[in-house]
Amino acid sequence: MPVGAYVQEVTPGYCAEAAGIRAKDIIVAIGEYKVESLNELSRALRNFKAGDATTITVFRSGRELMLDIVLDERPAE
């Protein structure tokens, strides 16, 4: 099992859903930034702003997939 940020759920209507990210994916990279934890994903996202296009690499069903994503504003928590 790879190390990364585990996706518990995908919020409908946001960029993750549009990019094809699914619950149970493991995010292992965004752009050129390697992701080994949720904290690292948060740090990597600080290098981008809403409207930026990049790739996101996820581990799903035993293989890595590179998905194109256009980032939007982070949802309110």
PDB file of N, CA and C in Angstrom:
ATOM      1  N   MET A   1       0.838  -1.171   0.000  1.00  0.00           N
ATOM      2  CA  MET A   1       0.000   0.000   0.000  1.00  0.00           C
ATOM      3  C   MET A   1       0.893   1.248   0.000  1.00  0.00           C
ATOM      4  N   PRO A   2       0.638   2.186  -0.894  1.00  0.00           N
ATOM      5  CA  PRO A   2       1.478   3.381  -0.929  1.00  0.00           C
ATOM      6  C   PRO A   2       1.169   4.319   0.230  1.00  0.00           C
ATOM      7  N   VAL A   3       2.103   5.208   0.487  1.00  0.00           N
ATOM      8  CA  VAL A   3       1.932   6.231   1.509  1.00  0.00           C
ATOM      9  C   VAL A   3       1.399   7.479   0.821  1.00  0.00           C
ATOM     10  N   GLY A   4       0.382   8.109   1.417  1.00  0.00           N
ATOM     11  CA  GLY A   4      -0.185   9.312   0.831  1.00  0.00           C
ATOM     12  C   GLY A   4      -1.333   9.810   1.670  1.00  0.00           C
ATOM     13  N   ALA A   5      -2.172  10.650   1.072  1.00  0.00           N
ATOM     14  CA  ALA A   5      -3.345  11.203   1.751  1.00  0.00           C
ATOM     15  C   ALA A   5      -4.574  10.427   1.288  1.00  0.00           C
ATOM     16  N   TYR A   6      -5.204   9.738   2.216  1.00  0.00           N
ATOM     17  CA  TYR A   6      -6.365   8.905   1.920  1.00  0.00           C
ATOM     18  C   TYR A   6      -7.599   9.792   1.735  1.00  0.00           C
ATOM     19  N   VAL A   7      -8.358   9.539   0.677  1.00  0.00           N
ATOM     20  CA  VAL A   7      -9.571  10.305   0.391  1.00  0.00           C
ATOM     21  C   VAL A   7     -10.758   9.570   1.014  1.00  0.00           C
ATOM     22  N   GLN A   8     -11.356  10.168   2.043  1.00  0.00           N
ATOM     23  CA  GLN A   8     -12.513   9.553   2.686  1.00  0.00           C
ATOM     24  C   GLN A   8     -13.786   9.803   1.901  1.00  0.00           C
ATOM     25  N   GLU A   9     -13.933  11.027   1.397  1.00  0.00           N
ATOM     26  CA  GLU A   9     -15.111  11.365   0.603  1.00  0.00           C
ATOM     27  C   GLU A   9     -14.762  12.512  -0.335  1.00  0.00           C
ATOM     28  N   VAL A  10     -15.546  12.659  -1.380  1.00  0.00           N
ATOM     29  CA  VAL A  10     -15.350  13.726  -2.362  1.00  0.00           C
ATOM     30  C   VAL A  10     -16.589  14.615  -2.317  1.00  0.00           C
ATOM     31  N   THR A  11     -16.379  15.911  -2.130  1.00  0.00           N
ATOM     32  CA  THR A  11     -17.484  16.858  -2.047  1.00  0.00           C
ATOM     33  C   THR A  11     -18.031  17.131  -3.442  1.00  0.00           C
ATOM     34  N   PRO A  12     -19.316  16.861  -3.651  1.00  0.00           N
ATOM     35  CA  PRO A  12     -19.916  17.116  -4.969  1.00  0.00           C
ATOM     36  C   PRO A  12     -19.799  18.588  -5.372  1.00  0.00           C
ATOM     37  N   GLY A  13     -19.521  18.798  -6.658  1.00  0.00           N
ATOM     38  CA  GLY A  13     -19.474  20.150  -7.197  1.00  0.00           C
ATOM     39  C   GLY A  13     -18.127  20.844  -7.100  1.00  0.00           C
ATOM     40  N   TYR A  14     -17.132  20.194  -6.524  1.00  0.00           N
ATOM     41  CA  TYR A  14     -15.807  20.811  -6.401  1.00  0.00           C
ATOM     42  C   TYR A  14     -14.809  20.149  -7.353  1.00  0.00           C
ATOM     43  N   CYS A  15     -13.624  20.711  -7.405  1.00  0.00           N
ATOM     44  CA  CYS A  15     -12.615  20.311  -8.382  1.00  0.00           C
ATOM     45  C   CYS A  15     -12.209  18.835  -8.270  1.00  0.00           C
ATOM     46  N   ALA A  16     -12.193  18.280  -7.083  1.00  0.00           N
ATOM     47  CA  ALA A  16     -11.804  16.875  -6.939  1.00  0.00           C
ATOM     48  C   ALA A  16     -12.780  15.970  -7.688  1.00  0.00           C
ATOM     49  N   GLU A  17     -14.052  16.254  -7.560  1.00  0.00           N
ATOM     50  CA  GLU A  17     -15.057  15.465  -8.277  1.00  0.00           C
ATOM     51  C   GLU A  17     -14.884  15.626  -9.787  1.00  0.00           C
ATOM     52  N   ALA A  18     -14.683  16.871 -10.233  1.00  0.00           N
ATOM     53  CA  ALA A  18     -14.521  17.135 -11.666  1.00  0.00           C
ATOM     54  C   ALA A  18     -13.289  16.433 -12.231  1.00  0.00           C
ATOM     55  N   ALA A  19     -12.245  16.292 -11.420  1.00  0.00           N
ATOM     56  CA  ALA A  19     -11.009  15.646 -11.872  1.00  0.00           C
ATOM     57  C   ALA A  19     -11.118  14.129 -11.893  1.00  0.00           C
ATOM     58  N   GLY A  20     -12.138  13.589 -11.230  1.00  0.00           N
ATOM     59  CA  GLY A  20     -12.306  12.140 -11.208  1.00  0.00           C
ATOM     60  C   GLY A  20     -11.759  11.462  -9.967  1.00  0.00           C
ATOM     61  N   ILE A  21     -11.423  12.243  -8.949  1.00  0.00           N
ATOM     62  CA  ILE A  21     -10.963  11.655  -7.695  1.00  0.00           C
ATOM     63  C   ILE A  21     -12.146  10.975  -7.028  1.00  0.00           C
ATOM     64  N   ARG A  22     -11.881   9.805  -6.428  1.00  0.00           N
ATOM     65  CA  ARG A  22     -12.940   9.016  -5.796  1.00  0.00           C
ATOM     66  C   ARG A  22     -12.601   8.743  -4.338  1.00  0.00           C
ATOM     67  N   ALA A  23     -13.639   8.489  -3.550  1.00  0.00           N
ATOM     68  CA  ALA A  23     -13.416   8.031  -2.182  1.00  0.00           C
ATOM     69  C   ALA A  23     -12.569   6.759  -2.238  1.00  0.00           C
ATOM     70  N   LYS A  24     -11.683   6.612  -1.301  1.00  0.00           N
ATOM     71  CA  LYS A  24     -10.750   5.484  -1.157  1.00  0.00           C
ATOM     72  C   LYS A  24      -9.502   5.623  -2.022  1.00  0.00           C
ATOM     73  N   ASP A  25      -9.408   6.682  -2.860  1.00  0.00           N
ATOM     74  CA  ASP A  25      -8.147   6.955  -3.552  1.00  0.00           C
ATOM     75  C   ASP A  25      -7.112   7.369  -2.526  1.00  0.00           C
ATOM     76  N   ILE A  26      -5.861   7.204  -2.870  1.00  0.00           N
ATOM     77  CA  ILE A  26      -4.757   7.698  -2.049  1.00  0.00           C
ATOM     78  C   ILE A  26      -3.990   8.694  -2.908  1.00  0.00           C
ATOM     79  N   ILE A  27      -3.970   9.957  -2.478  1.00  0.00           N
ATOM     80  CA  ILE A  27      -3.246  10.993  -3.217  1.00  0.00           C
ATOM     81  C   ILE A  27      -1.772  10.871  -2.870  1.00  0.00           C
ATOM     82  N   VAL A  28      -0.919  10.666  -3.893  1.00  0.00           N
ATOM     83  CA  VAL A  28       0.514  10.490  -3.661  1.00  0.00           C
ATOM     84  C   VAL A  28       1.336  11.665  -4.198  1.00  0.00           C
ATOM     85  N   ALA A  29       0.710  12.533  -5.023  1.00  0.00           N
ATOM     86  CA  ALA A  29       1.429  13.709  -5.528  1.00  0.00           C
ATOM     87  C   ALA A  29       0.425  14.707  -6.079  1.00  0.00           C
ATOM     88  N   ILE A  30       0.809  15.981  -5.999  1.00  0.00           N
ATOM     89  CA  ILE A  30       0.070  17.039  -6.681  1.00  0.00           C
ATOM     90  C   ILE A  30       1.106  17.914  -7.357  1.00  0.00           C
ATOM     91  N   GLY A  31       0.974  18.036  -8.669  1.00  0.00           N
ATOM     92  CA  GLY A  31       2.017  18.725  -9.425  1.00  0.00           C
ATOM     93  C   GLY A  31       3.335  18.012  -9.207  1.00  0.00           C
ATOM     94  N   GLU A  32       4.355  18.778  -8.895  1.00  0.00           N
ATOM     95  CA  GLU A  32       5.684  18.197  -8.645  1.00  0.00           C
ATOM     96  C   GLU A  32       5.912  17.848  -7.179  1.00  0.00           C
ATOM     97  N   TYR A  33       4.907  18.019  -6.348  1.00  0.00           N
ATOM     98  CA  TYR A  33       5.053  17.819  -4.906  1.00  0.00           C
ATOM     99  C   TYR A  33       4.590  16.427  -4.496  1.00  0.00           C
ATOM    100  N   LYS A  34       5.493  15.674  -3.888  1.00  0.00           N
ATOM    101  CA  LYS A  34       5.174  14.347  -3.381  1.00  0.00           C
ATOM    102  C   LYS A  34       4.322  14.494  -2.120  1.00  0.00           C
ATOM    103  N   VAL A  35       3.342  13.644  -1.954  1.00  0.00           N
ATOM    104  CA  VAL A  35       2.435  13.705  -0.805  1.00  0.00           C
ATOM    105  C   VAL A  35       2.517  12.383  -0.056  1.00  0.00           C
ATOM    106  N   GLU A  36       2.893  12.459   1.230  1.00  0.00           N
ATOM    107  CA  GLU A  36       2.966  11.260   2.052  1.00  0.00           C
ATOM    108  C   GLU A  36       2.019  11.310   3.240  1.00  0.00           C
ATOM    109  N   SER A  37       1.270  12.422   3.382  1.00  0.00           N
ATOM    110  CA  SER A  37       0.326  12.555   4.490  1.00  0.00           C
ATOM    111  C   SER A  37      -0.649  13.683   4.165  1.00  0.00           C
ATOM    112  N   LEU A  38      -1.697  13.774   4.960  1.00  0.00           N
ATOM    113  CA  LEU A  38      -2.659  14.863   4.797  1.00  0.00           C
ATOM    114  C   LEU A  38      -1.994  16.213   5.036  1.00  0.00           C
ATOM    115  N   ASN A  39      -1.080  16.275   6.006  1.00  0.00           N
ATOM    116  CA  ASN A  39      -0.349  17.523   6.266  1.00  0.00           C
ATOM    117  C   ASN A  39       0.482  17.938   5.061  1.00  0.00           C
ATOM    118  N   GLU A  40       1.145  16.988   4.419  1.00  0.00           N
ATOM    119  CA  GLU A  40       1.937  17.312   3.224  1.00  0.00           C
ATOM    120  C   GLU A  40       1.047  17.764   2.074  1.00  0.00           C
ATOM    121  N   LEU A  41      -0.151  17.172   1.947  1.00  0.00           N
ATOM    122  CA  LEU A  41      -1.080  17.619   0.918  1.00  0.00           C
ATOM    123  C   LEU A  41      -1.479  19.069   1.177  1.00  0.00           C
ATOM    124  N   SER A  42      -1.792  19.397   2.417  1.00  0.00           N
ATOM    125  CA  SER A  42      -2.151  20.780   2.766  1.00  0.00           C
ATOM    126  C   SER A  42      -1.013  21.747   2.450  1.00  0.00           C
ATOM    127  N   ARG A  43       0.217  21.357   2.790  1.00  0.00           N
ATOM    128  CA  ARG A  43       1.382  22.208   2.486  1.00  0.00           C
ATOM    129  C   ARG A  43       1.564  22.378   0.989  1.00  0.00           C
ATOM    130  N   ALA A  44       1.423  21.297   0.236  1.00  0.00           N
ATOM    131  CA  ALA A  44       1.602  21.369  -1.219  1.00  0.00           C
ATOM    132  C   ALA A  44       0.551  22.272  -1.848  1.00  0.00           C
ATOM    133  N   LEU A  45      -0.679  22.205  -1.351  1.00  0.00           N
ATOM    134  CA  LEU A  45      -1.754  23.025  -1.916  1.00  0.00           C
ATOM    135  C   LEU A  45      -1.514  24.514  -1.714  1.00  0.00           C
ATOM    136  N   ARG A  46      -0.717  24.880  -0.725  1.00  0.00           N
ATOM    137  CA  ARG A  46      -0.387  26.299  -0.508  1.00  0.00           C
ATOM    138  C   ARG A  46       0.427  26.891  -1.654  1.00  0.00           C
ATOM    139  N   ASN A  47       1.005  26.039  -2.492  1.00  0.00           N
ATOM    140  CA  ASN A  47       1.788  26.510  -3.637  1.00  0.00           C
ATOM    141  C   ASN A  47       0.914  26.822  -4.850  1.00  0.00           C
ATOM    142  N   PHE A  48      -0.374  26.607  -4.720  1.00  0.00           N
ATOM    143  CA  PHE A  48      -1.315  26.829  -5.809  1.00  0.00           C
ATOM    144  C   PHE A  48      -2.394  27.800  -5.357  1.00  0.00           C
ATOM    145  N   LYS A  49      -3.080  28.378  -6.334  1.00  0.00           N
ATOM    146  CA  LYS A  49      -4.226  29.231  -6.022  1.00  0.00           C
ATOM    147  C   LYS A  49      -5.408  28.775  -6.867  1.00  0.00           C
ATOM    148  N   ALA A  50      -6.576  29.269  -6.524  1.00  0.00           N
ATOM    149  CA  ALA A  50      -7.780  28.920  -7.274  1.00  0.00           C
ATOM    150  C   ALA A  50      -7.577  29.267  -8.737  1.00  0.00           C
ATOM    151  N   GLY A  51      -7.964  28.343  -9.615  1.00  0.00           N
ATOM    152  CA  GLY A  51      -7.814  28.539 -11.056  1.00  0.00           C
ATOM    153  C   GLY A  51      -6.563  27.909 -11.631  1.00  0.00           C
ATOM    154  N   ASP A  52      -5.611  27.528 -10.783  1.00  0.00           N
ATOM    155  CA  ASP A  52      -4.392  26.865 -11.272  1.00  0.00           C
ATOM    156  C   ASP A  52      -4.734  25.466 -11.782  1.00  0.00           C
ATOM    157  N   ALA A  53      -4.129  25.099 -12.894  1.00  0.00           N
ATOM    158  CA  ALA A  53      -4.276  23.747 -13.448  1.00  0.00           C
ATOM    159  C   ALA A  53      -2.996  22.966 -13.165  1.00  0.00           C
ATOM    160  N   THR A  54      -3.144  21.727 -12.749  1.00  0.00           N
ATOM    161  CA  THR A  54      -2.000  20.866 -12.471  1.00  0.00           C
ATOM    162  C   THR A  54      -2.461  19.413 -12.608  1.00  0.00           C
ATOM    163  N   THR A  55      -1.599  18.501 -12.227  1.00  0.00           N
ATOM    164  CA  THR A  55      -1.981  17.089 -12.201  1.00  0.00           C
ATOM    165  C   THR A  55      -2.000  16.629 -10.754  1.00  0.00           C
ATOM    166  N   ILE A  56      -2.794  15.621 -10.510  1.00  0.00           N
ATOM    167  CA  ILE A  56      -2.837  14.998  -9.195  1.00  0.00           C
ATOM    168  C   ILE A  56      -2.680  13.500  -9.432  1.00  0.00           C
ATOM    169  N   THR A  57      -1.768  12.884  -8.703  1.00  0.00           N
ATOM    170  CA  THR A  57      -1.508  11.456  -8.865  1.00  0.00           C
ATOM    171  C   THR A  57      -2.161  10.715  -7.715  1.00  0.00           C
ATOM    172  N   VAL A  58      -2.997   9.755  -8.069  1.00  0.00           N
ATOM    173  CA  VAL A  58      -3.693   8.954  -7.062  1.00  0.00           C
ATOM    174  C   VAL A  58      -3.371   7.479  -7.273  1.00  0.00           C
ATOM    175  N   PHE A  59      -3.425   6.743  -6.180  1.00  0.00           N
ATOM    176  CA  PHE A  59      -3.286   5.294  -6.227  1.00  0.00           C
ATOM    177  C   PHE A  59      -4.690   4.728  -6.078  1.00  0.00           C
ATOM    178  N   ARG A  60      -5.102   3.909  -7.064  1.00  0.00           N
ATOM    179  CA  ARG A  60      -6.452   3.332  -7.061  1.00  0.00           C
ATOM    180  C   ARG A  60      -6.383   1.932  -7.659  1.00  0.00           C
ATOM    181  N   SER A  61      -6.961   0.994  -6.968  1.00  0.00           N
ATOM    182  CA  SER A  61      -7.069  -0.388  -7.470  1.00  0.00           C
ATOM    183  C   SER A  61      -5.729  -0.951  -7.936  1.00  0.00           C
ATOM    184  N   GLY A  62      -4.684  -0.693  -7.162  1.00  0.00           N
ATOM    185  CA  GLY A  62      -3.392  -1.286  -7.453  1.00  0.00           C
ATOM    186  C   GLY A  62      -2.527  -0.559  -8.469  1.00  0.00           C
ATOM    187  N   ARG A  63      -2.963   0.621  -8.912  1.00  0.00           N
ATOM    188  CA  ARG A  63      -2.119   1.355  -9.867  1.00  0.00           C
ATOM    189  C   ARG A  63      -2.235   2.854  -9.650  1.00  0.00           C
ATOM    190  N   GLU A  64      -1.231   3.569 -10.160  1.00  0.00           N
ATOM    191  CA  GLU A  64      -1.229   5.027 -10.072  1.00  0.00           C
ATOM    192  C   GLU A  64      -1.895   5.626 -11.303  1.00  0.00           C
ATOM    193  N   LEU A  65      -2.693   6.647 -11.069  1.00  0.00           N
ATOM    194  CA  LEU A  65      -3.346   7.390 -12.147  1.00  0.00           C
ATOM    195  C   LEU A  65      -2.994   8.860 -12.016  1.00  0.00           C
ATOM    196  N   MET A  66      -2.716   9.507 -13.144  1.00  0.00           N
ATOM    197  CA  MET A  66      -2.494  10.951 -13.153  1.00  0.00           C
ATOM    198  C   MET A  66      -3.753  11.606 -13.700  1.00  0.00           C
ATOM    199  N   LEU A  67      -4.338  12.483 -12.905  1.00  0.00           N
ATOM    200  CA  LEU A  67      -5.569  13.162 -13.284  1.00  0.00           C
ATOM    201  C   LEU A  67      -5.303  14.656 -13.431  1.00  0.00           C
ATOM    202  N   ASP A  68      -5.912  15.279 -14.427  1.00  0.00           N
ATOM    203  CA  ASP A  68      -5.813  16.727 -14.585  1.00  0.00           C
ATOM    204  C   ASP A  68      -6.828  17.378 -13.660  1.00  0.00           C
ATOM    205  N   ILE A  69      -6.400  18.457 -13.003  1.00  0.00           N
ATOM    206  CA  ILE A  69      -7.286  19.146 -12.061  1.00  0.00           C
ATOM    207  C   ILE A  69      -7.098  20.646 -12.193  1.00  0.00           C
ATOM    208  N   VAL A  70      -8.187  21.370 -12.125  1.00  0.00           N
ATOM    209  CA  VAL A  70      -8.168  22.830 -12.042  1.00  0.00           C
ATOM    210  C   VAL A  70      -8.686  23.152 -10.648  1.00  0.00           C
ATOM    211  N   LEU A  71      -7.825  23.722  -9.840  1.00  0.00           N
ATOM    212  CA  LEU A  71      -8.152  23.953  -8.432  1.00  0.00           C
ATOM    213  C   LEU A  71      -9.155  25.074  -8.271  1.00  0.00           C
ATOM    214  N   ASP A  72     -10.038  24.910  -7.288  1.00  0.00           N
ATOM    215  CA  ASP A  72     -10.968  25.970  -6.962  1.00  0.00           C
ATOM    216  C   ASP A  72     -10.752  26.376  -5.509  1.00  0.00           C
ATOM    217  N   GLU A  73     -11.560  27.294  -5.030  1.00  0.00           N
ATOM    218  CA  GLU A  73     -11.446  27.722  -3.634  1.00  0.00           C
ATOM    219  C   GLU A  73     -11.696  26.532  -2.723  1.00  0.00           C
ATOM    220  N   ARG A  74     -10.993  26.498  -1.625  1.00  0.00           N
ATOM    221  CA  ARG A  74     -11.206  25.415  -0.672  1.00  0.00           C
ATOM    222  C   ARG A  74     -12.577  25.583  -0.035  1.00  0.00           C
ATOM    223  N   PRO A  75     -13.316  24.479   0.105  1.00  0.00           N
ATOM    224  CA  PRO A  75     -14.630  24.586   0.754  1.00  0.00           C
ATOM    225  C   PRO A  75     -14.501  25.012   2.210  1.00  0.00           C
ATOM    226  N   ALA A  76     -15.474  25.737   2.701  1.00  0.00           N
ATOM    227  CA  ALA A  76     -15.474  26.127   4.114  1.00  0.00           C
ATOM    228  C   ALA A  76     -15.591  24.879   4.981  1.00  0.00           C
ATOM    229  N   GLU A  77     -14.868  24.879   6.077  1.00  0.00           N
ATOM    230  CA  GLU A  77     -14.873  23.695   6.954  1.00  0.00           C
ATOM    231  C   GLU A  77     -15.879  23.816   8.052  1.00  0.00           C
TER     232      GLU A  77
END
